[in-house]
PDB file of all heavy atoms in Angstrom:
ATOM      1  N   ASN A   1       0.823  -1.210   0.000  1.00  0.00           N
ATOM      2  CA  ASN A   1       0.000   0.000   0.000  1.00  0.00           C
ATOM      3  C   ASN A   1       0.854   1.255   0.000  1.00  0.00           C
ATOM      4  O   ASN A   1       0.531   2.248  -0.674  1.00  0.00           O
ATOM      5  CB  ASN A   1      -0.932   0.002   1.208  1.00  0.00           C
ATOM      6  CG  ASN A   1      -2.068  -0.996   1.070  1.00  0.00           C
ATOM      7  OD1 ASN A   1      -2.435  -1.378  -0.048  1.00  0.00           O
ATOM      8  ND2 ASN A   1      -2.611  -1.440   2.187  1.00  0.00           N
ATOM      9  N   VAL A   2       1.957   1.236   0.762  1.00  0.00           N
ATOM     10  CA  VAL A   2       2.881   2.374   0.767  1.00  0.00           C
ATOM     11  C   VAL A   2       3.468   2.569  -0.626  1.00  0.00           C
ATOM     12  O   VAL A   2       3.578   3.697  -1.126  1.00  0.00           O
ATOM     13  CB  VAL A   2       3.996   2.170   1.812  1.00  0.00           C
ATOM     14  CG1 VAL A   2       5.079   3.239   1.656  1.00  0.00           C
ATOM     15  CG2 VAL A   2       3.419   2.208   3.221  1.00  0.00           C
ATOM     16  N   PHE A   3       3.857   1.450  -1.259  1.00  0.00           N
ATOM     17  CA  PHE A   3       4.405   1.559  -2.613  1.00  0.00           C
ATOM     18  C   PHE A   3       3.390   2.162  -3.574  1.00  0.00           C
ATOM     19  O   PHE A   3       3.733   3.022  -4.392  1.00  0.00           O
ATOM     20  CB  PHE A   3       4.854   0.191  -3.133  1.00  0.00           C
ATOM     21  CG  PHE A   3       5.197   0.215  -4.601  1.00  0.00           C
ATOM     22  CD1 PHE A   3       6.420   0.714  -5.034  1.00  0.00           C
ATOM     23  CD2 PHE A   3       4.278  -0.199  -5.558  1.00  0.00           C
ATOM     24  CE1 PHE A   3       6.724   0.778  -6.386  1.00  0.00           C
ATOM     25  CE2 PHE A   3       4.581  -0.141  -6.909  1.00  0.00           C
ATOM     26  CZ  PHE A   3       5.813   0.345  -7.323  1.00  0.00           C
ATOM     27  N   PHE A   4       2.127   1.704  -3.503  1.00  0.00           N
ATOM     28  CA  PHE A   4       1.111   2.236  -4.413  1.00  0.00           C
ATOM     29  C   PHE A   4       0.929   3.744  -4.211  1.00  0.00           C
ATOM     30  O   PHE A   4       0.743   4.496  -5.179  1.00  0.00           O
ATOM     31  CB  PHE A   4      -0.220   1.513  -4.210  1.00  0.00           C
ATOM     32  CG  PHE A   4      -0.266   0.145  -4.837  1.00  0.00           C
ATOM     33  CD1 PHE A   4      -0.728  -0.951  -4.122  1.00  0.00           C
ATOM     34  CD2 PHE A   4       0.149  -0.043  -6.132  1.00  0.00           C
ATOM     35  CE1 PHE A   4      -0.781  -2.207  -4.689  1.00  0.00           C
ATOM     36  CE2 PHE A   4       0.108  -1.306  -6.722  1.00  0.00           C
ATOM     37  CZ  PHE A   4      -0.361  -2.389  -5.989  1.00  0.00           C
ATOM     38  N   ASN A   5       0.977   4.203  -2.951  1.00  0.00           N
ATOM     39  CA  ASN A   5       0.865   5.640  -2.704  1.00  0.00           C
ATOM     40  C   ASN A   5       2.025   6.398  -3.340  1.00  0.00           C
ATOM     41  O   ASN A   5       1.839   7.448  -3.961  1.00  0.00           O
ATOM     42  CB  ASN A   5       0.812   5.913  -1.198  1.00  0.00           C
ATOM     43  CG  ASN A   5      -0.597   5.772  -0.633  1.00  0.00           C
ATOM     44  OD1 ASN A   5      -1.564   5.733  -1.380  1.00  0.00           O
ATOM     45  ND2 ASN A   5      -0.704   5.674   0.672  1.00  0.00           N
ATOM     46  N   TRP A   6       3.239   5.864  -3.181  1.00  0.00           N
ATOM     47  CA  TRP A   6       4.406   6.515  -3.783  1.00  0.00           C
ATOM     48  C   TRP A   6       4.384   6.411  -5.306  1.00  0.00           C
ATOM     49  O   TRP A   6       4.843   7.323  -6.009  1.00  0.00           O
ATOM     50  CB  TRP A   6       5.691   5.909  -3.234  1.00  0.00           C
ATOM     51  CG  TRP A   6       6.083   6.496  -1.915  1.00  0.00           C
ATOM     52  CD1 TRP A   6       5.979   5.929  -0.678  1.00  0.00           C
ATOM     53  CD2 TRP A   6       6.624   7.810  -1.704  1.00  0.00           C
ATOM     54  NE1 TRP A   6       6.416   6.791   0.289  1.00  0.00           N
ATOM     55  CE2 TRP A   6       6.831   7.957  -0.312  1.00  0.00           C
ATOM     56  CE3 TRP A   6       6.955   8.867  -2.544  1.00  0.00           C
ATOM     57  CZ2 TRP A   6       7.354   9.121   0.248  1.00  0.00           C
ATOM     58  CZ3 TRP A   6       7.472  10.025  -1.996  1.00  0.00           C
ATOM     59  CH2 TRP A   6       7.666  10.138  -0.616  1.00  0.00           C
ATOM     60  N   PHE A   7       3.855   5.318  -5.814  1.00  0.00           N
ATOM     61  CA  PHE A   7       3.726   5.166  -7.260  1.00  0.00           C
ATOM     62  C   PHE A   7       2.853   6.277  -7.831  1.00  0.00           C
ATOM     63  O   PHE A   7       3.217   6.938  -8.811  1.00  0.00           O
ATOM     64  CB  PHE A   7       3.129   3.792  -7.576  1.00  0.00           C
ATOM     65  CG  PHE A   7       2.779   3.598  -9.031  1.00  0.00           C
ATOM     66  CD1 PHE A   7       3.741   3.229  -9.946  1.00  0.00           C
ATOM     67  CD2 PHE A   7       1.475   3.790  -9.482  1.00  0.00           C
ATOM     68  CE1 PHE A   7       3.424   3.051 -11.288  1.00  0.00           C
ATOM     69  CE2 PHE A   7       1.147   3.624 -10.815  1.00  0.00           C
ATOM     70  CZ  PHE A   7       2.125   3.246 -11.715  1.00  0.00           C
ATOM     71  N   PHE A   8       1.682   6.487  -7.209  1.00  0.00           N
ATOM     72  CA  PHE A   8       0.792   7.535  -7.707  1.00  0.00           C
ATOM     73  C   PHE A   8       1.351   8.925  -7.429  1.00  0.00           C
ATOM     74  O   PHE A   8       1.144   9.848  -8.225  1.00  0.00           O
ATOM     75  CB  PHE A   8      -0.601   7.371  -7.094  1.00  0.00           C
ATOM     76  CG  PHE A   8      -1.456   6.385  -7.825  1.00  0.00           C
ATOM     77  CD1 PHE A   8      -1.536   5.075  -7.400  1.00  0.00           C
ATOM     78  CD2 PHE A   8      -2.145   6.752  -8.964  1.00  0.00           C
ATOM     79  CE1 PHE A   8      -2.305   4.146  -8.080  1.00  0.00           C
ATOM     80  CE2 PHE A   8      -2.921   5.840  -9.654  1.00  0.00           C
ATOM     81  CZ  PHE A   8      -3.004   4.531  -9.211  1.00  0.00           C
ATOM     82  N   PHE A   9       2.062   9.088  -6.309  1.00  0.00           N
ATOM     83  CA  PHE A   9       2.704  10.376  -6.035  1.00  0.00           C
ATOM     84  C   PHE A   9       3.698  10.709  -7.145  1.00  0.00           C
ATOM     85  O   PHE A   9       3.712  11.828  -7.676  1.00  0.00           O
ATOM     86  CB  PHE A   9       3.432  10.325  -4.682  1.00  0.00           C
ATOM     87  CG  PHE A   9       4.213  11.568  -4.370  1.00  0.00           C
ATOM     88  CD1 PHE A   9       3.609  12.651  -3.745  1.00  0.00           C
ATOM     89  CD2 PHE A   9       5.560  11.670  -4.700  1.00  0.00           C
ATOM     90  CE1 PHE A   9       4.331  13.805  -3.461  1.00  0.00           C
ATOM     91  CE2 PHE A   9       6.289  12.816  -4.420  1.00  0.00           C
ATOM     92  CZ  PHE A   9       5.673  13.888  -3.794  1.00  0.00           C
ATOM     93  N   THR A  10       4.539   9.750  -7.516  1.00  0.00           N
ATOM     94  CA  THR A  10       5.523   9.963  -8.585  1.00  0.00           C
ATOM     95  C   THR A  10       4.840  10.193  -9.919  1.00  0.00           C
ATOM     96  O   THR A  10       5.240  11.051 -10.711  1.00  0.00           O
ATOM     97  CB  THR A  10       6.454   8.750  -8.674  1.00  0.00           C
ATOM     98  OG1 THR A  10       7.045   8.501  -7.401  1.00  0.00           O
ATOM     99  CG2 THR A  10       7.548   8.979  -9.699  1.00  0.00           C
ATOM    100  N   LEU A  11       3.777   9.414 -10.172  1.00  0.00           N
ATOM    101  CA  LEU A  11       3.034   9.550 -11.420  1.00  0.00           C
ATOM    102  C   LEU A  11       2.505  10.976 -11.575  1.00  0.00           C
ATOM    103  O   LEU A  11       2.692  11.623 -12.622  1.00  0.00           O
ATOM    104  CB  LEU A  11       1.884   8.544 -11.426  1.00  0.00           C
ATOM    105  CG  LEU A  11       1.229   8.203 -12.758  1.00  0.00           C
ATOM    106  CD1 LEU A  11       2.168   7.382 -13.618  1.00  0.00           C
ATOM    107  CD2 LEU A  11      -0.059   7.403 -12.518  1.00  0.00           C
ATOM    108  N   TYR A  12       1.875  11.498 -10.535  1.00  0.00           N
ATOM    109  CA  TYR A  12       1.272  12.825 -10.624  1.00  0.00           C
ATOM    110  C   TYR A  12       2.322  13.929 -10.547  1.00  0.00           C
ATOM    111  O   TYR A  12       2.144  14.998 -11.149  1.00  0.00           O
ATOM    112  CB  TYR A  12       0.222  12.993  -9.526  1.00  0.00           C
ATOM    113  CG  TYR A  12      -1.091  12.348  -9.885  1.00  0.00           C
ATOM    114  CD1 TYR A  12      -1.375  11.035  -9.518  1.00  0.00           C
ATOM    115  CD2 TYR A  12      -2.046  13.037 -10.609  1.00  0.00           C
ATOM    116  CE1 TYR A  12      -2.565  10.434  -9.863  1.00  0.00           C
ATOM    117  CE2 TYR A  12      -3.244  12.449 -10.952  1.00  0.00           C
ATOM    118  CZ  TYR A  12      -3.501  11.148 -10.583  1.00  0.00           C
ATOM    119  OH  TYR A  12      -4.692  10.555 -10.936  1.00  0.00           O
ATOM    120  N   ALA A  13       3.422  13.689  -9.832  1.00  0.00           N
ATOM    121  CA  ALA A  13       4.502  14.681  -9.827  1.00  0.00           C
ATOM    122  C   ALA A  13       5.107  14.821 -11.217  1.00  0.00           C
ATOM    123  O   ALA A  13       5.430  15.931 -11.668  1.00  0.00           O
ATOM    124  CB  ALA A  13       5.574  14.277  -8.813  1.00  0.00           C
ATOM    125  N   ALA A  14       5.246  13.693 -11.927  1.00  0.00           N
ATOM    126  CA  ALA A  14       5.759  13.742 -13.302  1.00  0.00           C
ATOM    127  C   ALA A  14       4.745  14.394 -14.226  1.00  0.00           C
ATOM    128  O   ALA A  14       5.114  15.153 -15.145  1.00  0.00           O
ATOM    129  CB  ALA A  14       6.090  12.329 -13.778  1.00  0.00           C
ATOM    130  N   PHE A  15       3.451  14.111 -14.014  1.00  0.00           N
ATOM    131  CA  PHE A  15       2.411  14.797 -14.785  1.00  0.00           C
ATOM    132  C   PHE A  15       2.513  16.312 -14.578  1.00  0.00           C
ATOM    133  O   PHE A  15       2.384  17.096 -15.527  1.00  0.00           O
ATOM    134  CB  PHE A  15       1.023  14.324 -14.346  1.00  0.00           C
ATOM    135  CG  PHE A  15       0.652  12.959 -14.847  1.00  0.00           C
ATOM    136  CD1 PHE A  15      -0.364  12.241 -14.230  1.00  0.00           C
ATOM    137  CD2 PHE A  15       1.289  12.388 -15.926  1.00  0.00           C
ATOM    138  CE1 PHE A  15      -0.730  10.983 -14.681  1.00  0.00           C
ATOM    139  CE2 PHE A  15       0.941  11.131 -16.386  1.00  0.00           C
ATOM    140  CZ  PHE A  15      -0.070  10.425 -15.752  1.00  0.00           C
ATOM    141  N   PHE A  16       2.717  16.711 -13.331  1.00  0.00           N
ATOM    142  CA  PHE A  16       2.839  18.131 -13.007  1.00  0.00           C
ATOM    143  C   PHE A  16       4.001  18.766 -13.772  1.00  0.00           C
ATOM    144  O   PHE A  16       3.865  19.836 -14.379  1.00  0.00           O
ATOM    145  CB  PHE A  16       3.051  18.306 -11.505  1.00  0.00           C
ATOM    146  CG  PHE A  16       3.564  19.664 -11.108  1.00  0.00           C
ATOM    147  CD1 PHE A  16       2.739  20.767 -11.129  1.00  0.00           C
ATOM    148  CD2 PHE A  16       4.884  19.835 -10.728  1.00  0.00           C
ATOM    149  CE1 PHE A  16       3.204  22.024 -10.779  1.00  0.00           C
ATOM    150  CE2 PHE A  16       5.366  21.076 -10.376  1.00  0.00           C
ATOM    151  CZ  PHE A  16       4.530  22.169 -10.403  1.00  0.00           C
ATOM    152  N   THR A  17       5.140  18.093 -13.768  1.00  0.00           N
ATOM    153  CA  THR A  17       6.321  18.635 -14.458  1.00  0.00           C
ATOM    154  C   THR A  17       6.086  18.742 -15.963  1.00  0.00           C
ATOM    155  O   THR A  17       6.431  19.749 -16.594  1.00  0.00           O
ATOM    156  CB  THR A  17       7.542  17.747 -14.184  1.00  0.00           C
ATOM    157  OG1 THR A  17       7.739  17.630 -12.768  1.00  0.00           O
ATOM    158  CG2 THR A  17       8.796  18.345 -14.804  1.00  0.00           C
ATOM    159  N   SER A  18       5.482  17.703 -16.532  1.00  0.00           N
ATOM    160  CA  SER A  18       5.279  17.710 -17.985  1.00  0.00           C
ATOM    161  C   SER A  18       4.246  18.741 -18.409  1.00  0.00           C
ATOM    162  O   SER A  18       4.387  19.374 -19.467  1.00  0.00           O
ATOM    163  CB  SER A  18       4.860  16.317 -18.469  1.00  0.00           C
ATOM    164  OG  SER A  18       3.675  15.901 -17.841  1.00  0.00           O
ATOM    165  N   THR A  19       3.199  18.950 -17.595  1.00  0.00           N
ATOM    166  CA  THR A  19       2.157  19.905 -17.981  1.00  0.00           C
ATOM    167  C   THR A  19       2.514  21.345 -17.629  1.00  0.00           C
ATOM    168  O   THR A  19       1.752  22.252 -17.952  1.00  0.00           O
ATOM    169  CB  THR A  19       0.818  19.555 -17.305  1.00  0.00           C
ATOM    170  OG1 THR A  19       1.021  19.372 -15.904  1.00  0.00           O
ATOM    171  CG2 THR A  19       0.233  18.296 -17.897  1.00  0.00           C
ATOM    172  N   THR A  20       3.623  21.548 -16.981  1.00  0.00           N
ATOM    173  CA  THR A  20       4.083  22.915 -16.711  1.00  0.00           C
ATOM    174  C   THR A  20       5.339  23.211 -17.510  1.00  0.00           C
ATOM    175  O   THR A  20       5.302  23.951 -18.491  1.00  0.00           O
ATOM    176  CB  THR A  20       4.350  23.114 -15.210  1.00  0.00           C
ATOM    177  OG1 THR A  20       5.222  22.083 -14.726  1.00  0.00           O
ATOM    178  CG2 THR A  20       3.062  23.093 -14.423  1.00  0.00           C
ATOM    179  N   ALA A  21       6.440  22.584 -17.131  1.00  0.00           N
ATOM    180  CA  ALA A  21       7.723  22.886 -17.760  1.00  0.00           C
ATOM    181  C   ALA A  21       7.729  22.526 -19.239  1.00  0.00           C
ATOM    182  O   ALA A  21       8.092  23.354 -20.095  1.00  0.00           O
ATOM    183  CB  ALA A  21       8.847  22.153 -17.021  1.00  0.00           C
ATOM    184  N   LEU A  22       7.333  21.293 -19.563  1.00  0.00           N
ATOM    185  CA  LEU A  22       7.405  20.874 -20.966  1.00  0.00           C
ATOM    186  C   LEU A  22       6.376  21.594 -21.835  1.00  0.00           C
ATOM    187  O   LEU A  22       6.662  21.968 -22.971  1.00  0.00           O
ATOM    188  CB  LEU A  22       7.216  19.357 -21.066  1.00  0.00           C
ATOM    189  CG  LEU A  22       8.376  18.505 -20.546  1.00  0.00           C
ATOM    190  CD1 LEU A  22       8.164  17.043 -20.885  1.00  0.00           C
ATOM    191  CD2 LEU A  22       9.702  18.977 -21.118  1.00  0.00           C
ATOM    192  N   VAL A  23       5.161  21.780 -21.311  1.00  0.00           N
ATOM    193  CA  VAL A  23       4.151  22.512 -22.075  1.00  0.00           C
ATOM    194  C   VAL A  23       4.595  23.954 -22.294  1.00  0.00           C
ATOM    195  O   VAL A  23       4.394  24.534 -23.370  1.00  0.00           O
ATOM    196  CB  VAL A  23       2.782  22.459 -21.364  1.00  0.00           C
ATOM    197  CG1 VAL A  23       1.805  23.447 -21.989  1.00  0.00           C
ATOM    198  CG2 VAL A  23       2.205  21.045 -21.431  1.00  0.00           C
ATOM    199  N   TYR A  24       5.236  24.543 -21.287  1.00  0.00           N
ATOM    200  CA  TYR A  24       5.744  25.914 -21.443  1.00  0.00           C
ATOM    201  C   TYR A  24       6.814  25.973 -22.533  1.00  0.00           C
ATOM    202  O   TYR A  24       6.823  26.895 -23.363  1.00  0.00           O
ATOM    203  CB  TYR A  24       6.319  26.417 -20.122  1.00  0.00           C
ATOM    204  CG  TYR A  24       6.854  27.834 -20.204  1.00  0.00           C
ATOM    205  CD1 TYR A  24       5.988  28.914 -20.061  1.00  0.00           C
ATOM    206  CD2 TYR A  24       8.194  28.082 -20.438  1.00  0.00           C
ATOM    207  CE1 TYR A  24       6.455  30.220 -20.156  1.00  0.00           C
ATOM    208  CE2 TYR A  24       8.685  29.384 -20.532  1.00  0.00           C
ATOM    209  CZ  TYR A  24       7.813  30.448 -20.383  1.00  0.00           C
ATOM    210  OH  TYR A  24       8.274  31.725 -20.485  1.00  0.00           O
ATOM    211  N   VAL A  25       7.701  24.982 -22.544  1.00  0.00           N
ATOM    212  CA  VAL A  25       8.742  24.942 -23.584  1.00  0.00           C
ATOM    213  C   VAL A  25       8.105  24.811 -24.960  1.00  0.00           C
ATOM    214  O   VAL A  25       8.499  25.503 -25.915  1.00  0.00           O
ATOM    215  CB  VAL A  25       9.717  23.772 -23.319  1.00  0.00           C
ATOM    216  CG1 VAL A  25      10.638  23.553 -24.522  1.00  0.00           C
ATOM    217  CG2 VAL A  25      10.549  24.043 -22.070  1.00  0.00           C
ATOM    218  N   GLU A  26       7.106  23.944 -25.089  1.00  0.00           N
ATOM    219  CA  GLU A  26       6.456  23.739 -26.383  1.00  0.00           C
ATOM    220  C   GLU A  26       5.718  24.981 -26.847  1.00  0.00           C
ATOM    221  O   GLU A  26       5.704  25.302 -28.049  1.00  0.00           O
ATOM    222  CB  GLU A  26       5.497  22.555 -26.272  1.00  0.00           C
ATOM    223  CG  GLU A  26       6.213  21.217 -26.139  1.00  0.00           C
ATOM    224  CD  GLU A  26       5.336  20.104 -25.608  1.00  0.00           C
ATOM    225  OE1 GLU A  26       4.151  20.372 -25.307  1.00  0.00           O
ATOM    226  OE2 GLU A  26       5.820  18.967 -25.495  1.00  0.00           O
ATOM    227  N   ASP A  27       5.109  25.721 -25.912  1.00  0.00           N
ATOM    228  CA  ASP A  27       4.334  26.914 -26.279  1.00  0.00           C
ATOM    229  C   ASP A  27       5.216  28.130 -26.522  1.00  0.00           C
ATOM    230  O   ASP A  27       4.867  28.995 -27.340  1.00  0.00           O
ATOM    231  CB  ASP A  27       3.318  27.239 -25.181  1.00  0.00           C
ATOM    232  CG  ASP A  27       2.115  26.317 -25.231  1.00  0.00           C
ATOM    233  OD1 ASP A  27       2.092  25.417 -26.108  1.00  0.00           O
ATOM    234  OD2 ASP A  27       1.200  26.468 -24.409  1.00  0.00           O
ATOM    235  N   ASN A  28       6.347  28.229 -25.802  1.00  0.00           N
ATOM    236  CA  ASN A  28       7.132  29.462 -25.836  1.00  0.00           C
ATOM    237  C   ASN A  28       8.527  29.327 -26.444  1.00  0.00           C
ATOM    238  O   ASN A  28       9.138  30.337 -26.782  1.00  0.00           O
ATOM    239  CB  ASN A  28       7.277  30.011 -24.406  1.00  0.00           C
ATOM    240  CG  ASN A  28       5.949  30.418 -23.805  1.00  0.00           C
ATOM    241  OD1 ASN A  28       5.440  31.510 -24.049  1.00  0.00           O
ATOM    242  ND2 ASN A  28       5.361  29.528 -23.005  1.00  0.00           N
ATOM    243  N   VAL A  29       9.030  28.115 -26.564  1.00  0.00           N
ATOM    244  CA  VAL A  29      10.350  27.923 -27.197  1.00  0.00           C
ATOM    245  C   VAL A  29      10.143  27.258 -28.552  1.00  0.00           C
ATOM    246  O   VAL A  29      10.253  27.896 -29.591  1.00  0.00           O
ATOM    247  CB  VAL A  29      11.281  27.094 -26.287  1.00  0.00           C
ATOM    248  CG1 VAL A  29      12.657  26.927 -26.950  1.00  0.00           C
ATOM    249  CG2 VAL A  29      11.432  27.752 -24.922  1.00  0.00           C
ATOM    250  N   SER A  30       9.857  25.967 -28.541  1.00  0.00           N
ATOM    251  CA  SER A  30       9.518  25.260 -29.775  1.00  0.00           C
ATOM    252  C   SER A  30       8.996  23.875 -29.446  1.00  0.00           C
ATOM    253  O   SER A  30       9.323  23.300 -28.399  1.00  0.00           O
ATOM    254  CB  SER A  30      10.745  25.129 -30.697  1.00  0.00           C
ATOM    255  OG  SER A  30      11.651  24.154 -30.213  1.00  0.00           O
ATOM    256  N   TRP A  31       8.190  23.352 -30.355  1.00  0.00           N
ATOM    257  CA  TRP A  31       7.685  21.999 -30.179  1.00  0.00           C
ATOM    258  C   TRP A  31       8.824  20.992 -30.263  1.00  0.00           C
ATOM    259  O   TRP A  31       8.810  19.959 -29.584  1.00  0.00           O
ATOM    260  CB  TRP A  31       6.635  21.690 -31.250  1.00  0.00           C
ATOM    261  CG  TRP A  31       5.346  22.424 -31.050  1.00  0.00           C
ATOM    262  CD1 TRP A  31       4.950  23.586 -31.659  1.00  0.00           C
ATOM    263  CD2 TRP A  31       4.283  22.053 -30.164  1.00  0.00           C
ATOM    264  NE1 TRP A  31       3.710  23.958 -31.207  1.00  0.00           N
ATOM    265  CE2 TRP A  31       3.268  23.038 -30.299  1.00  0.00           C
ATOM    266  CE3 TRP A  31       4.076  21.003 -29.287  1.00  0.00           C
ATOM    267  CZ2 TRP A  31       2.081  22.987 -29.581  1.00  0.00           C
ATOM    268  CZ3 TRP A  31       2.895  20.940 -28.564  1.00  0.00           C
ATOM    269  CH2 TRP A  31       1.911  21.926 -28.717  1.00  0.00           C
ATOM    270  N   GLY A  32       9.800  21.261 -31.081  1.00  0.00           N
ATOM    271  CA  GLY A  32      10.933  20.358 -31.223  1.00  0.00           C
ATOM    272  C   GLY A  32      11.692  20.169 -29.919  1.00  0.00           C
ATOM    273  O   GLY A  32      12.045  19.042 -29.548  1.00  0.00           O
ATOM    274  N   TRP A  33      11.942  21.284 -29.202  1.00  0.00           N
ATOM    275  CA  TRP A  33      12.633  21.182 -27.916  1.00  0.00           C
ATOM    276  C   TRP A  33      11.786  20.427 -26.890  1.00  0.00           C
ATOM    277  O   TRP A  33      12.295  19.611 -26.098  1.00  0.00           O
ATOM    278  CB  TRP A  33      12.964  22.575 -27.392  1.00  0.00           C
ATOM    279  CG  TRP A  33      14.292  23.081 -27.881  1.00  0.00           C
ATOM    280  CD1 TRP A  33      14.517  24.003 -28.862  1.00  0.00           C
ATOM    281  CD2 TRP A  33      15.575  22.676 -27.397  1.00  0.00           C
ATOM    282  NE1 TRP A  33      15.856  24.208 -29.038  1.00  0.00           N
ATOM    283  CE2 TRP A  33      16.543  23.411 -28.145  1.00  0.00           C
ATOM    284  CE3 TRP A  33      16.023  21.789 -26.434  1.00  0.00           C
ATOM    285  CZ2 TRP A  33      17.907  23.263 -27.947  1.00  0.00           C
ATOM    286  CZ3 TRP A  33      17.384  21.635 -26.222  1.00  0.00           C
ATOM    287  CH2 TRP A  33      18.314  22.367 -26.977  1.00  0.00           C
ATOM    288  N   GLY A  34      10.478  20.684 -26.881  1.00  0.00           N
ATOM    289  CA  GLY A  34       9.604  20.003 -25.928  1.00  0.00           C
ATOM    290  C   GLY A  34       9.588  18.499 -26.144  1.00  0.00           C
ATOM    291  O   GLY A  34       9.754  17.711 -25.200  1.00  0.00           O
ATOM    292  N   PHE A  35       9.400  18.085 -27.402  1.00  0.00           N
ATOM    293  CA  PHE A  35       9.404  16.654 -27.694  1.00  0.00           C
ATOM    294  C   PHE A  35      10.799  16.055 -27.493  1.00  0.00           C
ATOM    295  O   PHE A  35      10.931  14.883 -27.116  1.00  0.00           O
ATOM    296  CB  PHE A  35       8.925  16.406 -29.122  1.00  0.00           C
ATOM    297  CG  PHE A  35       7.449  16.679 -29.323  1.00  0.00           C
ATOM    298  CD1 PHE A  35       6.933  16.869 -30.597  1.00  0.00           C
ATOM    299  CD2 PHE A  35       6.574  16.749 -28.247  1.00  0.00           C
ATOM    300  CE1 PHE A  35       5.586  17.119 -30.801  1.00  0.00           C
ATOM    301  CE2 PHE A  35       5.218  16.998 -28.438  1.00  0.00           C
ATOM    302  CZ  PHE A  35       4.722  17.186 -29.714  1.00  0.00           C
ATOM    303  N   GLY A  36      11.838  16.846 -27.763  1.00  0.00           N
ATOM    304  CA  GLY A  36      13.202  16.363 -27.553  1.00  0.00           C
ATOM    305  C   GLY A  36      13.496  16.063 -26.093  1.00  0.00           C
ATOM    306  O   GLY A  36      14.171  15.074 -25.765  1.00  0.00           O
TER     307      GLY A  36
END
């Protein structure tokens, strides 16, 4: 159960990073850099 909690914590933390940092790069720098 502890592992499952950490699994979802990591999953959503990575979602957070991708929907902020990577989306910002794709919108304001270039799509190529974001996908890269």
